[in-house]
Each structure stands twice: as structure tokens, then as C-alpha cells.
Amino acid sequence: MILVTGAGGNVGSELTGILARGGHPVRALVRTPRPLPDGVEAVVGDLNEATSLKPALDGVRAVFLLGGYEDMPGALAVMRDAGVEQVTLLSSRSVVGGHADNAVAGMHMAAEAAVRASKLAWTFLRPSGFMSNSLHWVAQLRAGDVVREPFANVPVAAIDPYDIAAVAAESLTTPGHEGRAYAITGPGSLRPADRLRVLSELLGRELRLEPLSDAEARVTMSAEMPAKYVDAFFRFFAEGEFDDSEVTGAVQDLTGREPRPFATWARTHLAAFR
């Protein structure tokens, strides 16, 4: 049995489907009941409350794990005591050369450290920025044809969450990934205007990107997230602390196929933008 935490999220929802279609026993950890693919068992639990995980761990061999929770060591101890043997952790490329005092990089660095200390077999997935972050544009595109975006000149080798899930499934179901950390990206490095151009073509609309100034970006972002994360992203993309533009070949190496381009992700999720 494989337990998928964050099963309602962009990566977890893709992973549960991939595992179920592959005939692997899969259980989804959710905070509230939700529809799941056929063959996927749902168990309610919360990674912030380690003891709540116990019912979900019965018979579980491996766990797909999200980081950033309050008591990662405690949750991992409960997993180990329940007989879990292996963890695949969703981390971030920002940990490589990252600074622990950066809230985003530090969160992922702490999660990796907790997994290492757990003595469980581990694999770290360190993806670039998600293509699904473009869903943040939905409200703006429903209101008009202009998208206002921070860090508009910053290229990111954005990855389809489906490809992250495909790599996760490989690490959870085949041997040889223990103690490995994979930097996984999409097939190319795109600026926001590049992504918007693809959506414009698919939607048949004349869409326009309007860059936010740093001052405007800070105000907009502060309404959506805590100040420490706003500061972290400014350190990444305004101050140049993190370069997320480099493309790697890890997805093809691990899955035997090229990672999906942004156009494929956009077609799959186009209904959200209409």
C-alpha cells in the first residue's frame, strides 16, 4: 500500500490517478472527504497532527510526503513506528545553495533534514515552479484580457504537476531511487508572457501581460500570503537568490519520455480559464 499525502493538491491528485491506473494499492490522506479516482481509498488525517495519521498508515509500505508541516519529525516517527519503509518527499530546487533564513528554502531544507533523520529510505523530488501556478490568473482573465504579474522578466523552467507525479510514482514503485535527489523541470524556460501567449492562442483571445512594479507586487502578494513568504520570493526573483530557469533532463531519464510542454498543461486545464 502507498499513502499519498496532499491527495487533493496539484501533484497528489495526479499521483493517486497514476498509481491507481497502474494497479498499485493506493490510499489518499485528505483533510476532508472528496471524490477520488476509482480504486483509491480515502482516509481523513492531518499532517499537522501526527497521531491522526495512524489509521491511514495501516499496511502502508511507502509514503508520498509533503513538507512544511508543524511537526515533521513527529509525523515521520509515527510512520516509522507503523512500519513504513520508504518516503518520497516533495521538496524544491531552492534548497540547492539555498539559505535557511529564507522562509521557502528553509522550509524545504528543514523537511529534507527531518526525512534524513528519520532513518527511512528516502527520495527527494526537487521540482521547478509549477505550471499550475498559472491558475492564479483565472480571476483576472474572467474579468478581462489583462494579467498583472510580479517578476514578469523572470524565466522559470516550469513543470507540469503530472510530470512530478510521474516521477514520484516511479520512485515509489521501482527500486534504485533510495538516497537520491532529483531536480526535475519542464522542457523549457518560460517567462509569464510566454505562458500567457499560449493561453491567448488556445482561448482565441488577445491577452496582454502588464508587469507589476516591485512596490505593486509586494502589496498584491502581501494580500495573499504571510510577509515571510513575500520576502522569500523577493529574495528569489528580485534579488537573484534563486535561478529557477535551468532545464534538466531528469523527467526523461526517469520516465522515458519528454516532460510535457506548457501547451499540454494549458489544454488539459483550459476550462478553468473560460
Protein backbone atom coordinates (compact mmCIF):
# COMPACT_ATOMS: atom_id res chain seq x y z
CA MET A 1 0.00 0.00 0.00
CA ILE A 2 1.20 3.51 -0.90
CA LEU A 3 -0.11 6.51 1.04
CA VAL A 4 -0.38 9.82 -0.84
CA THR A 5 -0.49 12.89 1.37
CA GLY A 6 -1.82 16.11 -0.10
CA ALA A 7 -4.01 13.94 -2.31
CA GLY A 8 -6.27 16.85 -3.18
CA GLY A 9 -3.41 19.02 -4.44
CA ASN A 10 -1.94 19.54 -7.88
CA VAL A 11 0.66 16.77 -7.57
CA GLY A 12 -1.12 14.45 -5.15
CA SER A 13 -4.27 14.26 -7.25
CA GLU A 14 -2.24 13.33 -10.34
CA LEU A 15 -0.24 10.77 -8.37
CA THR A 16 -3.25 8.96 -6.97
CA GLY A 17 -4.60 8.58 -10.50
CA ILE A 18 -1.29 7.33 -11.92
CA LEU A 19 -0.88 4.76 -9.15
CA ALA A 20 -4.48 3.56 -9.37
CA ARG A 21 -4.31 3.18 -13.16
CA GLY A 22 -1.07 1.25 -12.71
CA GLY A 23 -2.78 -1.25 -10.43
CA HIS A 24 -0.92 -0.21 -7.29
CA PRO A 25 -2.77 -0.22 -3.95
CA VAL A 26 -3.10 3.46 -3.05
CA ARG A 27 -4.60 5.32 -0.12
CA ALA A 28 -5.24 9.06 -0.10
CA LEU A 29 -4.75 11.17 3.01
CA VAL A 30 -7.26 14.03 2.93
CA ARG A 31 -8.37 16.61 5.46
CA THR A 32 -11.98 16.35 4.35
CA PRO A 33 -13.72 13.70 2.23
CA ARG A 34 -13.54 14.34 -1.52
CA PRO A 35 -14.10 12.45 -4.80
CA LEU A 36 -11.13 10.28 -5.74
CA PRO A 37 -10.24 8.02 -8.68
CA ASP A 38 -11.72 4.53 -8.72
CA GLY A 39 -9.72 2.17 -6.56
CA VAL A 40 -8.31 4.88 -4.29
CA GLU A 41 -9.13 4.57 -0.62
CA ALA A 42 -9.56 7.84 1.32
CA VAL A 43 -8.60 8.32 4.95
CA VAL A 44 -9.05 11.59 6.81
CA GLY A 45 -5.96 12.89 8.62
CA ASP A 46 -3.79 15.96 9.11
CA LEU A 47 0.00 16.11 8.83
CA ASN A 48 -0.05 18.85 11.47
CA GLU A 49 -1.42 16.27 13.94
CA ALA A 50 0.91 13.30 13.83
CA THR A 51 -1.32 10.95 15.80
CA SER A 52 -4.17 11.49 13.32
CA LEU A 53 -2.06 9.66 10.72
CA LYS A 54 -2.20 6.28 12.45
CA PRO A 55 -5.41 4.97 10.79
CA ALA A 56 -4.08 5.95 7.37
CA LEU A 57 -0.83 4.04 7.87
CA ASP A 58 -2.21 0.54 8.39
CA GLY A 59 -0.33 -1.74 5.99
CA VAL A 60 1.44 1.15 4.26
CA ARG A 61 4.87 0.44 2.80
CA ALA A 62 5.68 3.81 1.22
CA VAL A 63 4.51 7.42 1.56
CA PHE A 64 4.45 10.39 -0.78
CA LEU A 65 5.03 13.22 1.64
CA LEU A 66 4.60 16.98 1.55
CA GLY A 67 6.89 19.16 3.64
CA GLY A 68 6.29 22.31 5.64
CA TYR A 69 4.17 20.89 8.42
CA GLU A 70 4.47 21.76 12.11
CA ASP A 71 5.95 18.52 13.40
CA MET A 72 7.68 16.73 10.56
CA PRO A 73 9.87 14.65 12.92
CA GLY A 74 6.78 13.55 14.84
CA ALA A 75 4.89 12.60 11.71
CA LEU A 76 7.85 10.65 10.40
CA ALA A 77 8.23 8.84 13.73
CA VAL A 78 4.58 7.75 13.56
CA MET A 79 5.20 6.49 10.02
CA ARG A 80 8.31 4.57 11.03
CA ASP A 81 6.56 3.02 14.05
CA ALA A 82 3.67 1.97 11.79
CA GLY A 83 6.07 0.00 9.57
CA VAL A 84 6.55 2.45 6.71
CA GLU A 85 9.80 1.70 4.88
CA GLN A 86 10.13 4.45 2.29
CA VAL A 87 9.30 8.13 1.80
CA THR A 88 9.31 10.23 -1.36
CA LEU A 89 9.36 13.88 -0.29
CA LEU A 90 8.15 16.74 -2.45
CA SER A 91 10.82 19.39 -1.93
CA SER A 92 12.10 22.27 -4.09
CA ARG A 93 15.08 23.18 -6.26
CA SER A 94 15.56 26.21 -3.99
CA VAL A 95 17.28 24.02 -1.38
CA VAL A 96 20.37 23.67 -3.58
CA GLY A 97 22.61 26.52 -2.47
CA GLY A 98 19.63 27.87 -0.53
CA HIS A 99 19.63 29.90 2.66
CA ALA A 100 17.93 28.53 5.76
CA ASP A 101 16.74 32.02 6.73
CA ASN A 102 14.71 32.23 3.52
CA ALA A 103 11.22 31.06 4.55
CA VAL A 104 10.59 28.99 1.42
CA ALA A 105 14.03 27.43 1.02
CA GLY A 106 14.34 26.97 4.79
CA MET A 107 11.01 25.15 4.99
CA HIS A 108 12.10 22.62 2.39
CA MET A 109 15.59 22.29 3.87
CA ALA A 110 14.06 21.50 7.27
CA ALA A 111 11.74 18.92 5.74
CA GLU A 112 14.63 17.18 3.97
CA ALA A 113 16.64 17.17 7.20
CA ALA A 114 13.74 15.61 9.09
CA VAL A 115 13.35 12.87 6.49
CA ARG A 116 17.07 12.09 6.55
CA ALA A 117 17.00 11.91 10.35
CA SER A 118 14.01 9.53 10.30
CA LYS A 119 16.21 6.65 9.07
CA LEU A 120 13.56 5.75 6.49
CA ALA A 121 14.63 5.11 2.92
CA TRP A 122 14.08 8.38 1.08
CA THR A 123 13.89 10.05 -2.29
CA PHE A 124 13.70 13.83 -2.71
CA LEU A 125 11.89 15.42 -5.63
CA ARG A 126 13.09 18.98 -6.23
CA PRO A 127 10.88 20.47 -8.94
CA SER A 128 10.98 23.87 -10.56
CA GLY A 129 7.96 26.18 -10.36
CA PHE A 130 4.64 24.56 -11.24
CA MET A 131 2.79 25.25 -14.48
CA SER A 132 -0.35 25.14 -12.37
CA ASN A 133 0.70 28.44 -10.77
CA SER A 134 -0.86 29.96 -13.89
CA LEU A 135 -4.24 29.18 -12.34
CA HIS A 136 -3.65 32.29 -10.23
CA TRP A 137 -4.61 34.20 -13.37
CA VAL A 138 -8.13 32.77 -13.55
CA ALA A 139 -9.88 35.64 -11.76
CA GLN A 140 -8.08 38.26 -13.84
CA LEU A 141 -8.89 36.51 -17.12
CA ARG A 142 -12.54 36.18 -16.19
CA ALA A 143 -12.57 39.92 -15.51
CA GLY A 144 -10.77 40.97 -18.70
CA ASP A 145 -7.86 40.40 -21.07
CA VAL A 146 -5.03 41.82 -18.93
CA VAL A 147 -2.91 39.83 -16.49
CA ARG A 148 -0.89 41.82 -13.99
CA GLU A 149 2.06 39.74 -12.77
CA PRO A 150 5.06 40.20 -10.46
CA PHE A 151 8.60 39.32 -11.55
CA ALA A 152 7.50 39.43 -15.18
CA ASN A 153 11.04 39.23 -16.55
CA VAL A 154 12.00 36.12 -14.58
CA PRO A 155 12.19 32.87 -16.61
CA VAL A 156 11.20 29.62 -14.89
CA ALA A 157 11.63 26.07 -16.21
CA ALA A 158 8.06 25.38 -15.14
CA ILE A 159 6.93 21.78 -14.79
CA ASP A 160 3.54 20.14 -15.21
CA PRO A 161 2.46 18.62 -11.85
CA TYR A 162 1.62 15.49 -13.84
CA ASP A 163 5.32 15.03 -14.56
CA ILE A 164 6.20 15.47 -10.90
CA ALA A 165 3.63 12.80 -10.10
CA ALA A 166 5.03 10.50 -12.80
CA VAL A 167 8.50 10.74 -11.28
CA ALA A 168 7.03 10.22 -7.81
CA ALA A 169 5.24 7.09 -8.99
CA GLU A 170 8.47 5.76 -10.47
CA SER A 171 10.33 6.36 -7.21
CA LEU A 172 7.60 4.70 -5.14
CA THR A 173 7.12 1.59 -7.28
CA THR A 174 10.56 0.71 -8.64
CA PRO A 175 13.86 0.10 -6.84
CA GLY A 176 17.03 2.13 -7.12
CA HIS A 177 15.85 5.57 -6.01
CA GLU A 178 16.80 5.37 -2.35
CA GLY A 179 19.04 8.24 -1.23
CA ARG A 180 18.58 10.13 -4.49
CA ALA A 181 17.51 13.76 -5.00
CA TYR A 182 16.11 14.66 -8.41
CA ALA A 183 15.97 18.19 -9.83
CA ILE A 184 13.02 17.97 -12.21
CA THR A 185 11.85 20.63 -14.66
CA GLY A 186 9.69 21.23 -17.67
CA PRO A 187 11.11 21.14 -21.21
CA GLY A 188 11.88 24.85 -21.48
CA SER A 189 12.30 28.08 -19.57
CA LEU A 190 9.33 30.44 -19.85
CA ARG A 191 8.56 33.96 -18.73
CA PRO A 192 4.98 34.86 -17.73
CA ALA A 193 4.39 36.48 -21.12
CA ASP A 194 5.35 33.21 -22.83
CA ARG A 195 2.76 31.29 -20.85
CA LEU A 196 0.11 33.93 -21.42
CA ARG A 197 0.79 33.84 -25.17
CA VAL A 198 -0.02 30.12 -25.20
CA LEU A 199 -3.25 30.71 -23.31
CA SER A 200 -4.13 33.54 -25.68
CA GLU A 201 -3.84 31.22 -28.68
CA LEU A 202 -5.81 28.42 -27.05
CA LEU A 203 -8.57 30.73 -25.82
CA GLY A 204 -8.73 32.73 -29.02
CA ARG A 205 -8.38 35.98 -27.10
CA GLU A 206 -5.96 38.90 -27.30
CA LEU A 207 -4.41 38.67 -23.85
CA ARG A 208 -1.84 41.12 -22.55
CA LEU A 209 0.66 40.92 -19.69
CA GLU A 210 1.15 44.01 -17.57
CA PRO A 211 4.22 43.74 -15.30
CA LEU A 212 3.77 44.84 -11.72
CA SER A 213 6.39 47.09 -10.22
CA ASP A 214 8.14 45.67 -7.18
CA ALA A 215 6.13 48.01 -4.95
CA GLU A 216 2.85 46.90 -6.53
CA ALA A 217 3.91 43.26 -6.38
CA ARG A 218 4.66 43.48 -2.68
CA VAL A 219 1.21 44.91 -1.95
CA THR A 220 -0.56 42.31 -4.11
CA MET A 221 1.40 39.37 -2.72
CA SER A 222 1.01 40.56 0.88
CA ALA A 223 -2.75 40.21 0.49
CA GLU A 224 -2.29 36.54 -0.47
CA MET A 225 0.46 35.19 1.80
CA PRO A 226 2.38 35.89 5.04
CA ALA A 227 5.11 38.52 4.90
CA LYS A 228 7.90 35.96 5.38
CA TYR A 229 6.93 34.25 2.10
CA VAL A 230 6.62 37.55 0.26
CA ASP A 231 10.14 38.36 1.42
CA ALA A 232 11.33 34.91 0.33
CA PHE A 233 10.02 35.32 -3.23
CA PHE A 234 11.51 38.81 -3.48
CA ARG A 235 14.85 37.37 -2.42
CA PHE A 236 14.48 34.65 -5.05
CA PHE A 237 13.34 36.68 -8.02
CA ALA A 238 14.02 40.37 -7.37
CA GLU A 239 17.38 39.95 -5.63
CA GLY A 240 18.51 36.93 -7.66
CA GLU A 241 18.96 34.49 -4.79
CA PHE A 242 17.47 31.57 -6.78
CA ASP A 243 17.70 30.82 -10.50
CA ASP A 244 14.81 28.54 -11.48
CA SER A 245 15.46 28.76 -15.21
CA GLU A 246 17.88 25.88 -15.80
CA VAL A 247 16.31 22.94 -17.64
CA THR A 248 17.26 19.40 -16.62
CA GLY A 249 16.71 16.07 -18.36
CA ALA A 250 15.61 14.23 -15.23
CA VAL A 251 11.98 13.69 -16.23
CA GLN A 252 13.00 11.95 -19.44
CA ASP A 253 15.72 9.97 -17.66
CA LEU A 254 13.27 8.73 -15.04
CA THR A 255 10.09 8.23 -17.09
CA GLY A 256 11.46 7.52 -20.57
CA ARG A 257 9.63 10.45 -22.18
CA GLU A 258 9.99 14.21 -22.54
CA PRO A 259 8.29 16.37 -19.92
CA ARG A 260 5.03 17.91 -21.01
CA PRO A 261 5.19 21.41 -22.53
CA PHE A 262 3.11 24.25 -21.14
CA ALA A 263 0.69 23.99 -24.05
CA THR A 264 -0.25 20.46 -22.99
CA TRP A 265 -0.88 21.54 -19.41
CA ALA A 266 -2.90 24.53 -20.64
CA ARG A 267 -5.09 22.42 -22.96
CA THR A 268 -5.80 19.99 -20.12
CA HIS A 269 -6.88 22.80 -17.79
CA LEU A 270 -8.32 25.23 -20.32
CA ALA A 271 -11.85 25.03 -18.93
CA ALA A 272 -10.64 26.76 -15.76
CA PHE A 273 -9.79 29.88 -17.76
CA ARG A 274 -13.05 30.19 -19.70
